[in-house]
Amino acid sequence: MTSPQILIAPSIVCADLTRLGEEADRLRAAGADWLHLDCMDGHFVPPLTFGPLLLACLRPRSDLYFHAHLMIEHPERQVDEFLRAGANLITFHREVYEDPRPLLQRLREAGCQGGLAYKPNTPLGDLPQFLPFMDALLVMSVEPGWSGQEFQPETVARIRQARALIDAAGLPVHLVVDGGINDETAPLVVAAGATVLVSGSYLFAHPGDLAAAVAVLRGARPS
């Protein structure tokens, strides 16, 4: 069986925020596949970052696939703005809803892909009932919020569990891993079944050029 191509999703919150348009161009030239936007409200997580206005400003500048990761308490109040801004995929957190299916269905009916994000300590046992409504599952390998945290090794087992559940459902759901992804952890999560790697600090602080860092992550294979 051919291994799936690993998609690279740089987290633009770690870019030079004074020149985001140029940074989006640089990511495209470096071979990135997605642009990952960490949208935080200062309530669900302590930091406050940005919202749909920034996405709308970047959208005419880039043809990358835009993934809005909503780390906010009330995503249902904001999704229409993110839809109008041009998000390709909107992911919100499992922890904010008892039943996330209505909002996932709302995204699908609007022509946007949707997904759920799970914090490190949130059990994945309820995932099968939601998978038919999802295009992506985001497994957090750090606590959501601050960039630069160290990868939590126990996440590898959770990724394996998520991969088994997705495969059992037979659905084309992206398995996204976010947090502490670098040249050492990428092979671990790819071996466990991840298909999309979100990386911020590693990519933008890489001593070589950005294209080289993207290539290292994309080439990650089990050791």
C-alpha atoms as a PDB file:
ATOM      1  CA  MET A   1       0.000   0.000   0.000  1.00  0.00           C
ATOM      2  CA  THR A   2       1.309   3.444  -0.917  1.00  0.00           C
ATOM      3  CA  SER A   3       1.866   5.743   2.039  1.00  0.00           C
ATOM      4  CA  PRO A   4      -0.243   8.927   1.919  1.00  0.00           C
ATOM      5  CA  GLN A   5       1.512  12.158   1.141  1.00  0.00           C
ATOM      6  CA  ILE A   6       2.265  14.096   4.302  1.00  0.00           C
ATOM      7  CA  LEU A   7       0.813  17.590   4.173  1.00  0.00           C
ATOM      8  CA  ILE A   8       2.602  20.452   5.894  1.00  0.00           C
ATOM      9  CA  ALA A   9       0.555  23.168   7.594  1.00  0.00           C
ATOM     10  CA  PRO A  10       2.696  26.022   8.959  1.00  0.00           C
ATOM     11  CA  SER A  11       1.137  27.877  11.878  1.00  0.00           C
ATOM     12  CA  ILE A  12       1.297  31.497  10.844  1.00  0.00           C
ATOM     13  CA  VAL A  13       1.025  32.723  14.430  1.00  0.00           C
ATOM     14  CA  CYS A  14       4.763  31.929  14.629  1.00  0.00           C
ATOM     15  CA  ALA A  15       5.599  33.949  11.520  1.00  0.00           C
ATOM     16  CA  ASP A  16       6.744  37.563  11.400  1.00  0.00           C
ATOM     17  CA  LEU A  17       3.427  39.223  12.247  1.00  0.00           C
ATOM     18  CA  THR A  18       4.595  42.567  10.868  1.00  0.00           C
ATOM     19  CA  ARG A  19       4.736  41.164   7.321  1.00  0.00           C
ATOM     20  CA  LEU A  20       2.170  38.393   7.101  1.00  0.00           C
ATOM     21  CA  GLY A  21       1.451  38.880   3.406  1.00  0.00           C
ATOM     22  CA  GLU A  22       5.103  38.302   2.565  1.00  0.00           C
ATOM     23  CA  GLU A  23       5.225  35.372   4.964  1.00  0.00           C
ATOM     24  CA  ALA A  24       2.259  33.762   3.198  1.00  0.00           C
ATOM     25  CA  ASP A  25       4.111  34.168  -0.109  1.00  0.00           C
ATOM     26  CA  ARG A  26       7.241  32.672   1.404  1.00  0.00           C
ATOM     27  CA  LEU A  27       5.336  29.654   2.719  1.00  0.00           C
ATOM     28  CA  ARG A  28       3.796  29.035  -0.686  1.00  0.00           C
ATOM     29  CA  ALA A  29       7.212  29.198  -2.337  1.00  0.00           C
ATOM     30  CA  ALA A  30       8.650  26.867   0.310  1.00  0.00           C
ATOM     31  CA  GLY A  31       6.165  24.152  -0.607  1.00  0.00           C
ATOM     32  CA  ALA A  32       3.688  24.390   2.267  1.00  0.00           C
ATOM     33  CA  ASP A  33       0.305  22.808   1.612  1.00  0.00           C
ATOM     34  CA  TRP A  34      -1.929  24.480   4.159  1.00  0.00           C
ATOM     35  CA  LEU A  35      -1.904  27.749   6.055  1.00  0.00           C
ATOM     36  CA  HIS A  36      -2.860  27.070   9.676  1.00  0.00           C
ATOM     37  CA  LEU A  37      -4.477  29.967  11.510  1.00  0.00           C
ATOM     38  CA  ASP A  38      -4.621  29.659  15.311  1.00  0.00           C
ATOM     39  CA  CYS A  39      -7.636  31.761  16.252  1.00  0.00           C
ATOM     40  CA  MET A  40      -7.768  32.252  20.039  1.00  0.00           C
ATOM     41  CA  ASP A  41     -10.291  34.262  22.035  1.00  0.00           C
ATOM     42  CA  GLY A  42      -8.544  34.776  25.380  1.00  0.00           C
ATOM     43  CA  HIS A  43     -11.254  32.707  27.108  1.00  0.00           C
ATOM     44  CA  PHE A  44     -11.086  29.110  25.903  1.00  0.00           C
ATOM     45  CA  VAL A  45      -7.312  29.570  25.965  1.00  0.00           C
ATOM     46  CA  PRO A  46      -5.388  32.421  27.621  1.00  0.00           C
ATOM     47  CA  PRO A  47      -3.855  34.036  24.507  1.00  0.00           C
ATOM     48  CA  LEU A  48      -5.750  36.349  22.185  1.00  0.00           C
ATOM     49  CA  THR A  49      -4.587  36.134  18.580  1.00  0.00           C
ATOM     50  CA  PHE A  50      -6.675  36.962  15.531  1.00  0.00           C
ATOM     51  CA  GLY A  51      -9.987  36.337  13.848  1.00  0.00           C
ATOM     52  CA  PRO A  52     -11.666  36.309  10.437  1.00  0.00           C
ATOM     53  CA  LEU A  53     -10.500  39.797   9.452  1.00  0.00           C
ATOM     54  CA  LEU A  54      -6.899  38.604   9.174  1.00  0.00           C
ATOM     55  CA  LEU A  55      -7.948  35.569   7.179  1.00  0.00           C
ATOM     56  CA  ALA A  56      -9.950  37.800   4.817  1.00  0.00           C
ATOM     57  CA  CYS A  57      -6.913  40.030   4.303  1.00  0.00           C
ATOM     58  CA  LEU A  58      -4.656  37.075   3.477  1.00  0.00           C
ATOM     59  CA  ARG A  59      -7.132  35.232   1.278  1.00  0.00           C
ATOM     60  CA  PRO A  60      -6.586  37.299  -1.910  1.00  0.00           C
ATOM     61  CA  ARG A  61      -2.842  36.988  -1.385  1.00  0.00           C
ATOM     62  CA  SER A  62      -2.573  33.197  -1.234  1.00  0.00           C
ATOM     63  CA  ASP A  63      -4.035  30.112  -2.903  1.00  0.00           C
ATOM     64  CA  LEU A  64      -2.986  27.868  -0.026  1.00  0.00           C
ATOM     65  CA  TYR A  65      -5.630  25.807   1.773  1.00  0.00           C
ATOM     66  CA  PHE A  66      -6.669  27.871   4.808  1.00  0.00           C
ATOM     67  CA  HIS A  67      -7.340  25.954   8.030  1.00  0.00           C
ATOM     68  CA  ALA A  68      -8.913  28.043  10.783  1.00  0.00           C
ATOM     69  CA  HIS A  69      -8.384  26.337  14.141  1.00  0.00           C
ATOM     70  CA  LEU A  70     -10.921  27.993  16.424  1.00  0.00           C
ATOM     71  CA  MET A  71      -9.754  27.874  20.019  1.00  0.00           C
ATOM     72  CA  ILE A  72     -12.795  29.816  21.160  1.00  0.00           C
ATOM     73  CA  GLU A  73     -15.719  29.253  23.506  1.00  0.00           C
ATOM     74  CA  HIS A  74     -18.560  29.997  21.073  1.00  0.00           C
ATOM     75  CA  PRO A  75     -17.553  29.041  17.534  1.00  0.00           C
ATOM     76  CA  GLU A  76     -21.187  29.067  16.394  1.00  0.00           C
ATOM     77  CA  ARG A  77     -21.115  32.862  16.777  1.00  0.00           C
ATOM     78  CA  GLN A  78     -18.081  33.252  14.518  1.00  0.00           C
ATOM     79  CA  VAL A  79     -18.247  30.599  11.794  1.00  0.00           C
ATOM     80  CA  ASP A  80     -20.240  32.733   9.372  1.00  0.00           C
ATOM     81  CA  GLU A  81     -17.496  35.368   9.454  1.00  0.00           C
ATOM     82  CA  PHE A  82     -14.835  32.741   8.847  1.00  0.00           C
ATOM     83  CA  LEU A  83     -16.865  31.319   5.983  1.00  0.00           C
ATOM     84  CA  ARG A  84     -17.151  34.749   4.360  1.00  0.00           C
ATOM     85  CA  ALA A  85     -13.414  35.301   4.924  1.00  0.00           C
ATOM     86  CA  GLY A  86     -12.596  32.265   2.788  1.00  0.00           C
ATOM     87  CA  ALA A  87     -11.671  29.440   5.160  1.00  0.00           C
ATOM     88  CA  ASN A  88     -11.360  26.048   3.464  1.00  0.00           C
ATOM     89  CA  LEU A  89     -11.518  24.109   6.731  1.00  0.00           C
ATOM     90  CA  ILE A  90     -12.851  25.218  10.097  1.00  0.00           C
ATOM     91  CA  THR A  91     -11.947  23.143  13.137  1.00  0.00           C
ATOM     92  CA  PHE A  92     -13.432  23.800  16.556  1.00  0.00           C
ATOM     93  CA  HIS A  93     -12.959  22.061  19.880  1.00  0.00           C
ATOM     94  CA  ARG A  94     -14.845  19.013  21.032  1.00  0.00           C
ATOM     95  CA  GLU A  95     -14.775  20.376  24.570  1.00  0.00           C
ATOM     96  CA  VAL A  96     -17.122  23.292  23.859  1.00  0.00           C
ATOM     97  CA  TYR A  97     -20.151  21.221  22.788  1.00  0.00           C
ATOM     98  CA  GLU A  98     -22.014  18.252  24.183  1.00  0.00           C
ATOM     99  CA  ASP A  99     -23.009  17.461  20.598  1.00  0.00           C
ATOM    100  CA  PRO A 100     -20.871  19.103  17.885  1.00  0.00           C
ATOM    101  CA  ARG A 101     -22.757  17.506  14.986  1.00  0.00           C
ATOM    102  CA  PRO A 102     -25.153  20.408  14.292  1.00  0.00           C
ATOM    103  CA  LEU A 103     -22.283  22.855  13.775  1.00  0.00           C
ATOM    104  CA  LEU A 104     -20.322  20.353  11.687  1.00  0.00           C
ATOM    105  CA  GLN A 105     -23.400  19.859   9.523  1.00  0.00           C
ATOM    106  CA  ARG A 106     -23.844  23.629   9.245  1.00  0.00           C
ATOM    107  CA  LEU A 107     -20.316  23.960   7.899  1.00  0.00           C
ATOM    108  CA  ARG A 108     -20.855  21.186   5.388  1.00  0.00           C
ATOM    109  CA  GLU A 109     -24.102  22.724   4.143  1.00  0.00           C
ATOM    110  CA  ALA A 110     -22.246  26.017   3.657  1.00  0.00           C
ATOM    111  CA  GLY A 111     -19.718  24.282   1.406  1.00  0.00           C
ATOM    112  CA  CYS A 112     -16.873  24.398   3.909  1.00  0.00           C
ATOM    113  CA  GLN A 113     -15.000  21.470   5.349  1.00  0.00           C
ATOM    114  CA  GLY A 114     -15.242  21.004   9.105  1.00  0.00           C
ATOM    115  CA  GLY A 115     -13.413  19.209  11.846  1.00  0.00           C
ATOM    116  CA  LEU A 116     -13.043  18.644  15.558  1.00  0.00           C
ATOM    117  CA  ALA A 117      -9.996  19.295  17.725  1.00  0.00           C
ATOM    118  CA  TYR A 118      -9.343  17.256  20.870  1.00  0.00           C
ATOM    119  CA  LYS A 119      -7.183  18.514  23.728  1.00  0.00           C
ATOM    120  CA  PRO A 120      -4.565  16.066  25.075  1.00  0.00           C
ATOM    121  CA  ASN A 121      -6.712  14.837  27.953  1.00  0.00           C
ATOM    122  CA  THR A 122     -10.037  14.623  26.122  1.00  0.00           C
ATOM    123  CA  PRO A 123     -10.958  10.966  25.468  1.00  0.00           C
ATOM    124  CA  LEU A 124     -11.421   9.905  21.851  1.00  0.00           C
ATOM    125  CA  GLY A 125     -14.025   7.267  22.648  1.00  0.00           C
ATOM    126  CA  ASP A 126     -16.943   9.304  21.291  1.00  0.00           C
ATOM    127  CA  LEU A 127     -15.214  10.037  17.984  1.00  0.00           C
ATOM    128  CA  PRO A 128     -16.942   7.351  15.824  1.00  0.00           C
ATOM    129  CA  GLN A 129     -20.360   9.028  16.105  1.00  0.00           C
ATOM    130  CA  PHE A 130     -18.926  12.308  14.808  1.00  0.00           C
ATOM    131  CA  LEU A 131     -16.649  11.050  12.027  1.00  0.00           C
ATOM    132  CA  PRO A 132     -19.373  10.926   9.325  1.00  0.00           C
ATOM    133  CA  PHE A 133     -19.781  14.690   9.757  1.00  0.00           C
ATOM    134  CA  MET A 134     -16.056  15.487   9.709  1.00  0.00           C
ATOM    135  CA  ASP A 135     -13.392  16.197   7.118  1.00  0.00           C
ATOM    136  CA  ALA A 136     -10.546  16.494   9.603  1.00  0.00           C
ATOM    137  CA  LEU A 137      -9.624  15.443  13.112  1.00  0.00           C
ATOM    138  CA  LEU A 138      -7.056  17.559  14.937  1.00  0.00           C
ATOM    139  CA  VAL A 139      -5.246  15.808  17.780  1.00  0.00           C
ATOM    140  CA  MET A 140      -3.456  18.259  20.037  1.00  0.00           C
ATOM    141  CA  SER A 141      -0.036  17.095  21.189  1.00  0.00           C
ATOM    142  CA  VAL A 142       0.305  20.071  23.564  1.00  0.00           C
ATOM    143  CA  GLU A 143      -2.223  22.046  25.568  1.00  0.00           C
ATOM    144  CA  PRO A 144      -3.828  24.565  23.202  1.00  0.00           C
ATOM    145  CA  GLY A 145      -2.689  28.128  23.616  1.00  0.00           C
ATOM    146  CA  TRP A 146       0.990  28.982  23.735  1.00  0.00           C
ATOM    147  CA  SER A 147       3.445  28.196  20.952  1.00  0.00           C
ATOM    148  CA  GLY A 148       6.775  26.526  21.627  1.00  0.00           C
ATOM    149  CA  GLN A 149       5.555  23.833  24.032  1.00  0.00           C
ATOM    150  CA  GLU A 150       7.203  20.432  24.112  1.00  0.00           C
ATOM    151  CA  PHE A 151       5.500  17.509  22.417  1.00  0.00           C
ATOM    152  CA  GLN A 152       3.669  15.195  24.830  1.00  0.00           C
ATOM    153  CA  PRO A 153       4.924  11.640  24.070  1.00  0.00           C
ATOM    154  CA  GLU A 154       1.667  10.004  25.150  1.00  0.00           C
ATOM    155  CA  THR A 155       0.046  11.650  22.124  1.00  0.00           C
ATOM    156  CA  VAL A 156       1.529   8.939  19.893  1.00  0.00           C
ATOM    157  CA  ALA A 157      -0.827   6.339  21.357  1.00  0.00           C
ATOM    158  CA  ARG A 158      -3.767   8.697  20.864  1.00  0.00           C
ATOM    159  CA  ILE A 159      -2.848   9.178  17.216  1.00  0.00           C
ATOM    160  CA  ARG A 160      -2.767   5.412  16.748  1.00  0.00           C
ATOM    161  CA  GLN A 161      -6.205   5.192  18.343  1.00  0.00           C
ATOM    162  CA  ALA A 162      -7.535   7.968  16.129  1.00  0.00           C
ATOM    163  CA  ARG A 163      -6.082   6.322  13.019  1.00  0.00           C
ATOM    164  CA  ALA A 164      -7.720   3.013  13.916  1.00  0.00           C
ATOM    165  CA  LEU A 165     -11.109   4.694  14.390  1.00  0.00           C
ATOM    166  CA  ILE A 166     -10.861   6.603  11.103  1.00  0.00           C
ATOM    167  CA  ASP A 167      -9.804   3.485   9.203  1.00  0.00           C
ATOM    168  CA  ALA A 168     -12.587   1.438  10.784  1.00  0.00           C
ATOM    169  CA  ALA A 169     -15.103   4.041   9.612  1.00  0.00           C
ATOM    170  CA  GLY A 170     -13.658   3.962   6.096  1.00  0.00           C
ATOM    171  CA  LEU A 171     -13.863   7.735   5.769  1.00  0.00           C
ATOM    172  CA  PRO A 172     -11.387  10.157   4.114  1.00  0.00           C
ATOM    173  CA  VAL A 173     -10.801  12.204   7.260  1.00  0.00           C
ATOM    174  CA  HIS A 174      -7.507  14.075   7.559  1.00  0.00           C
ATOM    175  CA  LEU A 175      -5.635  13.227  10.762  1.00  0.00           C
ATOM    176  CA  VAL A 176      -3.958  16.467  11.817  1.00  0.00           C
ATOM    177  CA  VAL A 177      -1.418  16.703  14.647  1.00  0.00           C
ATOM    178  CA  ASP A 178      -0.640  20.055  16.203  1.00  0.00           C
ATOM    179  CA  GLY A 179       1.989  20.908  18.814  1.00  0.00           C
ATOM    180  CA  GLY A 180       5.710  20.344  19.207  1.00  0.00           C
ATOM    181  CA  ILE A 181       6.191  19.018  15.675  1.00  0.00           C
ATOM    182  CA  ASN A 182       9.821  19.005  14.573  1.00  0.00           C
ATOM    183  CA  ASP A 183      12.336  16.731  12.864  1.00  0.00           C
ATOM    184  CA  GLU A 184      12.360  14.341  15.856  1.00  0.00           C
ATOM    185  CA  THR A 185       8.638  14.120  16.574  1.00  0.00           C
ATOM    186  CA  ALA A 186       7.359  14.144  12.989  1.00  0.00           C
ATOM    187  CA  PRO A 187       8.473  10.547  12.260  1.00  0.00           C
ATOM    188  CA  LEU A 188       6.716   9.391  15.434  1.00  0.00           C
ATOM    189  CA  VAL A 189       3.357  10.892  14.528  1.00  0.00           C
ATOM    190  CA  VAL A 190       3.601   9.839  10.887  1.00  0.00           C
ATOM    191  CA  ALA A 191       4.293   6.275  11.996  1.00  0.00           C
ATOM    192  CA  ALA A 192       1.197   6.487  14.206  1.00  0.00           C
ATOM    193  CA  GLY A 193      -0.964   7.544  11.272  1.00  0.00           C
ATOM    194  CA  ALA A 194      -0.940  11.341  11.019  1.00  0.00           C
ATOM    195  CA  THR A 195      -1.377  12.815   7.543  1.00  0.00           C
ATOM    196  CA  VAL A 196      -1.165  16.569   8.250  1.00  0.00           C
ATOM    197  CA  LEU A 197       1.578  18.125  10.387  1.00  0.00           C
ATOM    198  CA  VAL A 198       1.057  21.551  11.928  1.00  0.00           C
ATOM    199  CA  SER A 199       4.333  23.208  12.831  1.00  0.00           C
ATOM    200  CA  GLY A 200       5.179  26.712  13.881  1.00  0.00           C
ATOM    201  CA  SER A 201       8.243  27.251  16.044  1.00  0.00           C
ATOM    202  CA  TYR A 202      10.304  24.576  14.284  1.00  0.00           C
ATOM    203  CA  LEU A 203       9.626  25.884  10.783  1.00  0.00           C
ATOM    204  CA  PHE A 204      10.088  29.576  11.426  1.00  0.00           C
ATOM    205  CA  ALA A 205      13.138  29.165  13.679  1.00  0.00           C
ATOM    206  CA  HIS A 206      14.885  26.623  11.444  1.00  0.00           C
ATOM    207  CA  PRO A 207      18.551  27.508  10.905  1.00  0.00           C
ATOM    208  CA  GLY A 208      18.289  26.637   7.218  1.00  0.00           C
ATOM    209  CA  ASP A 209      15.759  28.078   4.832  1.00  0.00           C
ATOM    210  CA  LEU A 210      12.036  27.517   5.167  1.00  0.00           C
ATOM    211  CA  ALA A 211      11.867  25.212   2.152  1.00  0.00           C
ATOM    212  CA  ALA A 212      14.441  22.907   3.710  1.00  0.00           C
ATOM    213  CA  ALA A 213      12.456  22.732   6.951  1.00  0.00           C
ATOM    214  CA  VAL A 214       9.235  21.957   5.072  1.00  0.00           C
ATOM    215  CA  ALA A 215      11.044  19.218   3.134  1.00  0.00           C
ATOM    216  CA  VAL A 216      12.359  17.642   6.340  1.00  0.00           C
ATOM    217  CA  LEU A 217       8.851  17.383   7.794  1.00  0.00           C
ATOM    218  CA  ARG A 218       7.295  16.156   4.567  1.00  0.00           C
ATOM    219  CA  GLY A 219       9.927  13.441   4.299  1.00  0.00           C
ATOM    220  CA  ALA A 220       9.263  12.180   7.816  1.00  0.00           C
ATOM    221  CA  ARG A 221       8.954   8.417   7.812  1.00  0.00           C
ATOM    222  CA  PRO A 222       9.037   5.841  10.593  1.00  0.00           C
ATOM    223  CA  SER A 223      12.585   5.268  11.803  1.00  0.00           C
END
